[in-house]
Amino acid sequence: MDAMAEYQRWEDSLAKVNLPRWDELPNFDLYMDQVVAYVNNLIGSLGLDLVTPAMINNYVKHKAILAPIKKKYQVMHVADILVISLLKATFPIDVIRSGMDQVTLRKYPKQAYDHFVDLLVARLQRKPVVDIKAKSINENLMEVAVESVVTKLKAEELLRIMEKSGKPQSIKSVKQ
């Protein structure tokens, strides 16, 4: 299969990814291993780094997410962990938390999460983003974050396909 056809097939598979909206997230408390399995099942199809219990503990320690209640995670925790998992390859955790805090100043967490997921799914389905200039700063932030996730995924896949088809020659020093 030629490289562009392989990339096109990969892009087509991205268009089929569907992330849950807030009301589709588990509506009951989960233990750590259940959260890890649930989130990894969702982000695994995107080829993102999987989340581990140590990562989640680190998010709590650094106040990127709220501490679980009696070792149980609720919908808000799962939504935060999912968003962090999507963005962590592009942004530092403290920047992600700051962005989430800014967005939720103007929107309820459920609305903000649903809008972020809608934007990301639309972008994965290659739907065009409307004129950014006419939107709020909140909207701009979410769209730029979504664009960064998709751009990073695409760049990594293109590089993977290119490396599969051939290795570059090593650079040799030139004597003067």
C-alpha atoms as a PDB file:
ATOM      1  CA  MET A   1       0.000   0.000   0.000  1.00  0.00           C
ATOM      2  CA  ASP A   2       1.361   3.391  -0.879  1.00  0.00           C
ATOM      3  CA  ALA A   3       2.123   5.840   1.934  1.00  0.00           C
ATOM      4  CA  MET A   4      -0.614   8.347   1.102  1.00  0.00           C
ATOM      5  CA  ALA A   5      -3.243   5.617   0.871  1.00  0.00           C
ATOM      6  CA  GLU A   6      -2.130   4.307   4.274  1.00  0.00           C
ATOM      7  CA  TYR A   7      -2.360   7.808   5.744  1.00  0.00           C
ATOM      8  CA  GLN A   8      -5.790   8.331   4.205  1.00  0.00           C
ATOM      9  CA  ARG A   9      -6.967   5.031   5.702  1.00  0.00           C
ATOM     10  CA  TRP A  10      -5.668   6.157   9.123  1.00  0.00           C
ATOM     11  CA  GLU A  11      -7.438   9.531   8.773  1.00  0.00           C
ATOM     12  CA  ASP A  12     -10.648   7.695   7.863  1.00  0.00           C
ATOM     13  CA  SER A  13     -10.314   5.615  11.035  1.00  0.00           C
ATOM     14  CA  LEU A  14      -9.969   8.823  13.092  1.00  0.00           C
ATOM     15  CA  ALA A  15     -13.237  10.069  11.633  1.00  0.00           C
ATOM     16  CA  LYS A  16     -14.968   7.078  13.232  1.00  0.00           C
ATOM     17  CA  VAL A  17     -13.712   7.862  16.747  1.00  0.00           C
ATOM     18  CA  ASN A  18     -16.512   8.916  19.028  1.00  0.00           C
ATOM     19  CA  LEU A  19     -15.847  10.277  22.502  1.00  0.00           C
ATOM     20  CA  PRO A  20     -18.573  10.261  25.141  1.00  0.00           C
ATOM     21  CA  ARG A  21     -20.395  13.417  26.095  1.00  0.00           C
ATOM     22  CA  TRP A  22     -20.877  14.165  29.815  1.00  0.00           C
ATOM     23  CA  ASP A  23     -24.183  12.285  30.107  1.00  0.00           C
ATOM     24  CA  GLU A  24     -22.571   9.230  28.473  1.00  0.00           C
ATOM     25  CA  LEU A  25     -19.755   9.053  31.040  1.00  0.00           C
ATOM     26  CA  PRO A  26     -20.238   6.494  33.836  1.00  0.00           C
ATOM     27  CA  ASN A  27     -22.825   7.939  36.223  1.00  0.00           C
ATOM     28  CA  PHE A  28     -21.569   6.001  39.246  1.00  0.00           C
ATOM     29  CA  ASP A  29     -18.400   6.065  41.294  1.00  0.00           C
ATOM     30  CA  LEU A  30     -15.400   4.200  39.904  1.00  0.00           C
ATOM     31  CA  TYR A  31     -12.267   2.859  41.536  1.00  0.00           C
ATOM     32  CA  MET A  32      -8.847   3.715  40.125  1.00  0.00           C
ATOM     33  CA  ASP A  33      -8.486   0.541  38.025  1.00  0.00           C
ATOM     34  CA  GLN A  34     -11.939   1.129  36.499  1.00  0.00           C
ATOM     35  CA  VAL A  35     -11.072   4.747  35.623  1.00  0.00           C
ATOM     36  CA  VAL A  36      -7.780   3.672  34.034  1.00  0.00           C
ATOM     37  CA  ALA A  37      -9.482   0.960  31.958  1.00  0.00           C
ATOM     38  CA  TYR A  38     -12.322   3.270  30.893  1.00  0.00           C
ATOM     39  CA  VAL A  39     -10.098   6.197  29.849  1.00  0.00           C
ATOM     40  CA  ASN A  40      -7.544   3.964  28.112  1.00  0.00           C
ATOM     41  CA  ASN A  41     -10.307   2.282  26.145  1.00  0.00           C
ATOM     42  CA  LEU A  42     -11.361   5.707  24.843  1.00  0.00           C
ATOM     43  CA  ILE A  43      -7.942   7.199  24.067  1.00  0.00           C
ATOM     44  CA  GLY A  44      -6.336   3.977  22.863  1.00  0.00           C
ATOM     45  CA  SER A  45      -8.039   4.245  19.477  1.00  0.00           C
ATOM     46  CA  LEU A  46      -6.354   7.623  18.994  1.00  0.00           C
ATOM     47  CA  GLY A  47      -2.892   6.213  19.607  1.00  0.00           C
ATOM     48  CA  LEU A  48      -2.303   8.465  22.613  1.00  0.00           C
ATOM     49  CA  ASP A  49      -0.174   7.473  25.591  1.00  0.00           C
ATOM     50  CA  LEU A  50      -2.242   5.429  27.988  1.00  0.00           C
ATOM     51  CA  VAL A  51      -2.989   6.721  31.479  1.00  0.00           C
ATOM     52  CA  THR A  52      -1.640   4.873  34.524  1.00  0.00           C
ATOM     53  CA  PRO A  53      -2.634   4.908  38.202  1.00  0.00           C
ATOM     54  CA  ALA A  54       0.645   6.708  38.951  1.00  0.00           C
ATOM     55  CA  MET A  55      -0.279   9.474  36.489  1.00  0.00           C
ATOM     56  CA  ILE A  56      -3.698   9.927  38.064  1.00  0.00           C
ATOM     57  CA  ASN A  57      -2.142  10.034  41.545  1.00  0.00           C
ATOM     58  CA  ASN A  58       0.258  12.654  40.221  1.00  0.00           C
ATOM     59  CA  TYR A  59      -2.658  14.714  38.847  1.00  0.00           C
ATOM     60  CA  VAL A  60      -4.250  14.651  42.305  1.00  0.00           C
ATOM     61  CA  LYS A  61      -0.958  15.475  44.043  1.00  0.00           C
ATOM     62  CA  HIS A  62      -0.386  18.477  41.776  1.00  0.00           C
ATOM     63  CA  LYS A  63      -4.039  19.543  42.019  1.00  0.00           C
ATOM     64  CA  ALA A  64      -4.726  19.010  38.321  1.00  0.00           C
ATOM     65  CA  ILE A  65      -7.814  17.067  39.418  1.00  0.00           C
ATOM     66  CA  LEU A  66      -9.703  16.929  42.685  1.00  0.00           C
ATOM     67  CA  ALA A  67      -8.895  14.119  45.083  1.00  0.00           C
ATOM     68  CA  PRO A  68     -11.230  11.130  44.851  1.00  0.00           C
ATOM     69  CA  ILE A  69     -13.862  10.744  47.528  1.00  0.00           C
ATOM     70  CA  LYS A  70     -13.130   7.597  49.569  1.00  0.00           C
ATOM     71  CA  LYS A  71     -10.953   6.308  46.693  1.00  0.00           C
ATOM     72  CA  LYS A  72     -13.857   6.636  44.266  1.00  0.00           C
ATOM     73  CA  TYR A  73     -13.871   8.805  41.160  1.00  0.00           C
ATOM     74  CA  GLN A  74     -16.991  10.595  39.958  1.00  0.00           C
ATOM     75  CA  VAL A  75     -18.065  11.939  36.562  1.00  0.00           C
ATOM     76  CA  MET A  76     -16.127  15.187  37.046  1.00  0.00           C
ATOM     77  CA  HIS A  77     -12.936  13.240  37.759  1.00  0.00           C
ATOM     78  CA  VAL A  78     -13.378  11.047  34.690  1.00  0.00           C
ATOM     79  CA  ALA A  79     -14.053  14.062  32.452  1.00  0.00           C
ATOM     80  CA  ASP A  80     -10.968  15.871  33.786  1.00  0.00           C
ATOM     81  CA  ILE A  81      -8.749  12.805  33.373  1.00  0.00           C
ATOM     82  CA  LEU A  82     -10.012  12.292  29.829  1.00  0.00           C
ATOM     83  CA  VAL A  83      -9.363  15.917  28.839  1.00  0.00           C
ATOM     84  CA  ILE A  84      -5.907  15.840  30.443  1.00  0.00           C
ATOM     85  CA  SER A  85      -5.139  12.569  28.624  1.00  0.00           C
ATOM     86  CA  LEU A  86      -6.080  14.157  25.304  1.00  0.00           C
ATOM     87  CA  LEU A  87      -4.037  17.311  25.878  1.00  0.00           C
ATOM     88  CA  LYS A  88      -1.019  16.141  27.912  1.00  0.00           C
ATOM     89  CA  ALA A  89       1.114  15.269  24.889  1.00  0.00           C
ATOM     90  CA  THR A  90       0.797  18.850  23.688  1.00  0.00           C
ATOM     91  CA  PHE A  91       0.667  20.937  26.868  1.00  0.00           C
ATOM     92  CA  PRO A  92       2.119  20.738  30.386  1.00  0.00           C
ATOM     93  CA  ILE A  93      -0.382  19.595  33.034  1.00  0.00           C
ATOM     94  CA  ASP A  94      -0.426  22.979  34.810  1.00  0.00           C
ATOM     95  CA  VAL A  95      -1.281  24.743  31.537  1.00  0.00           C
ATOM     96  CA  ILE A  96      -4.091  22.246  30.891  1.00  0.00           C
ATOM     97  CA  ARG A  97      -5.517  22.807  34.389  1.00  0.00           C
ATOM     98  CA  SER A  98      -5.272  26.572  33.960  1.00  0.00           C
ATOM     99  CA  GLY A  99      -7.091  26.365  30.626  1.00  0.00           C
ATOM    100  CA  MET A 100      -9.799  24.150  32.105  1.00  0.00           C
ATOM    101  CA  ASP A 101     -10.241  26.603  34.982  1.00  0.00           C
ATOM    102  CA  GLN A 102     -10.519  29.558  32.597  1.00  0.00           C
ATOM    103  CA  VAL A 103     -13.055  27.811  30.374  1.00  0.00           C
ATOM    104  CA  THR A 104     -15.194  26.707  33.333  1.00  0.00           C
ATOM    105  CA  LEU A 105     -15.276  30.250  34.686  1.00  0.00           C
ATOM    106  CA  ARG A 106     -17.589  31.051  31.790  1.00  0.00           C
ATOM    107  CA  LYS A 107     -19.305  27.682  31.298  1.00  0.00           C
ATOM    108  CA  TYR A 108     -20.437  24.933  33.616  1.00  0.00           C
ATOM    109  CA  PRO A 109     -18.041  21.951  33.541  1.00  0.00           C
ATOM    110  CA  LYS A 110     -20.637  19.787  31.780  1.00  0.00           C
ATOM    111  CA  GLN A 111     -21.181  22.383  29.037  1.00  0.00           C
ATOM    112  CA  ALA A 112     -17.453  23.033  28.642  1.00  0.00           C
ATOM    113  CA  TYR A 113     -16.628  19.320  28.476  1.00  0.00           C
ATOM    114  CA  ASP A 114     -19.407  18.589  25.964  1.00  0.00           C
ATOM    115  CA  HIS A 115     -18.346  21.499  23.789  1.00  0.00           C
ATOM    116  CA  PHE A 116     -14.699  20.393  23.845  1.00  0.00           C
ATOM    117  CA  VAL A 117     -15.696  16.836  22.886  1.00  0.00           C
ATOM    118  CA  ASP A 118     -17.990  18.127  20.123  1.00  0.00           C
ATOM    119  CA  LEU A 119     -15.174  20.283  18.714  1.00  0.00           C
ATOM    120  CA  LEU A 120     -12.668  17.426  18.852  1.00  0.00           C
ATOM    121  CA  VAL A 121     -14.986  14.871  17.262  1.00  0.00           C
ATOM    122  CA  ALA A 122     -15.950  17.356  14.525  1.00  0.00           C
ATOM    123  CA  ARG A 123     -12.279  18.046  13.818  1.00  0.00           C
ATOM    124  CA  LEU A 124     -11.468  14.314  13.703  1.00  0.00           C
ATOM    125  CA  GLN A 125     -14.307  13.977  11.182  1.00  0.00           C
ATOM    126  CA  ARG A 126     -12.621  16.717   9.124  1.00  0.00           C
ATOM    127  CA  LYS A 127     -15.470  19.170   9.513  1.00  0.00           C
ATOM    128  CA  PRO A 128     -14.275  22.743   8.974  1.00  0.00           C
ATOM    129  CA  VAL A 129     -13.895  25.120  11.888  1.00  0.00           C
ATOM    130  CA  VAL A 130     -15.884  28.319  11.457  1.00  0.00           C
ATOM    131  CA  ASP A 131     -14.347  31.806  11.493  1.00  0.00           C
ATOM    132  CA  ILE A 132     -12.430  32.133  14.763  1.00  0.00           C
ATOM    133  CA  LYS A 133     -12.475  35.953  14.744  1.00  0.00           C
ATOM    134  CA  ALA A 134     -16.208  36.077  15.457  1.00  0.00           C
ATOM    135  CA  LYS A 135     -15.942  33.885  18.559  1.00  0.00           C
ATOM    136  CA  SER A 136     -15.220  34.462  22.205  1.00  0.00           C
ATOM    137  CA  ILE A 137     -11.766  34.050  23.670  1.00  0.00           C
ATOM    138  CA  ASN A 138     -13.089  30.923  25.411  1.00  0.00           C
ATOM    139  CA  GLU A 139     -14.085  29.422  22.080  1.00  0.00           C
ATOM    140  CA  ASN A 140     -10.733  30.329  20.574  1.00  0.00           C
ATOM    141  CA  LEU A 141      -8.887  28.587  23.396  1.00  0.00           C
ATOM    142  CA  MET A 142     -10.868  25.372  22.971  1.00  0.00           C
ATOM    143  CA  GLU A 143     -10.478  25.370  19.191  1.00  0.00           C
ATOM    144  CA  VAL A 144      -6.729  25.972  19.379  1.00  0.00           C
ATOM    145  CA  ALA A 145      -6.380  23.176  21.961  1.00  0.00           C
ATOM    146  CA  VAL A 146      -8.377  20.791  19.741  1.00  0.00           C
ATOM    147  CA  GLU A 147      -6.351  21.786  16.700  1.00  0.00           C
ATOM    148  CA  SER A 148      -3.108  21.118  18.575  1.00  0.00           C
ATOM    149  CA  VAL A 149      -4.242  17.598  19.517  1.00  0.00           C
ATOM    150  CA  VAL A 150      -5.275  16.750  15.949  1.00  0.00           C
ATOM    151  CA  THR A 151      -2.160  18.306  14.410  1.00  0.00           C
ATOM    152  CA  LYS A 152       0.105  16.348  16.752  1.00  0.00           C
ATOM    153  CA  LEU A 153      -1.707  13.084  15.993  1.00  0.00           C
ATOM    154  CA  LYS A 154      -1.398  13.705  12.258  1.00  0.00           C
ATOM    155  CA  ALA A 155       2.271  14.692  12.405  1.00  0.00           C
ATOM    156  CA  GLU A 156       3.157  11.578  14.404  1.00  0.00           C
ATOM    157  CA  GLU A 157       1.260   9.305  12.017  1.00  0.00           C
ATOM    158  CA  LEU A 158       2.840  10.882   8.938  1.00  0.00           C
ATOM    159  CA  LEU A 159       6.288  10.456  10.476  1.00  0.00           C
ATOM    160  CA  ARG A 160       5.537   6.833  11.427  1.00  0.00           C
ATOM    161  CA  ILE A 161       4.471   6.039   7.865  1.00  0.00           C
ATOM    162  CA  MET A 162       7.484   7.819   6.390  1.00  0.00           C
ATOM    163  CA  GLU A 163       9.913   6.017   8.708  1.00  0.00           C
ATOM    164  CA  LYS A 164       8.346   2.699   7.737  1.00  0.00           C
ATOM    165  CA  SER A 165       9.043   3.331   4.067  1.00  0.00           C
ATOM    166  CA  GLY A 166      12.703   4.216   4.498  1.00  0.00           C
ATOM    167  CA  LYS A 167      15.353   5.452   6.867  1.00  0.00           C
ATOM    168  CA  PRO A 168      17.194   8.695   6.160  1.00  0.00           C
ATOM    169  CA  GLN A 169      20.909   8.475   5.521  1.00  0.00           C
ATOM    170  CA  SER A 170      23.128   9.417   8.402  1.00  0.00           C
ATOM    171  CA  ILE A 171      24.843  12.763   8.291  1.00  0.00           C
ATOM    172  CA  LYS A 172      28.552  12.512   7.627  1.00  0.00           C
ATOM    173  CA  SER A 173      30.932  15.153   8.781  1.00  0.00           C
ATOM    174  CA  VAL A 174      32.502  17.190   6.059  1.00  0.00           C
ATOM    175  CA  LYS A 175      36.234  17.872   6.296  1.00  0.00           C
ATOM    176  CA  GLN A 176      37.266  21.347   5.301  1.00  0.00           C
END
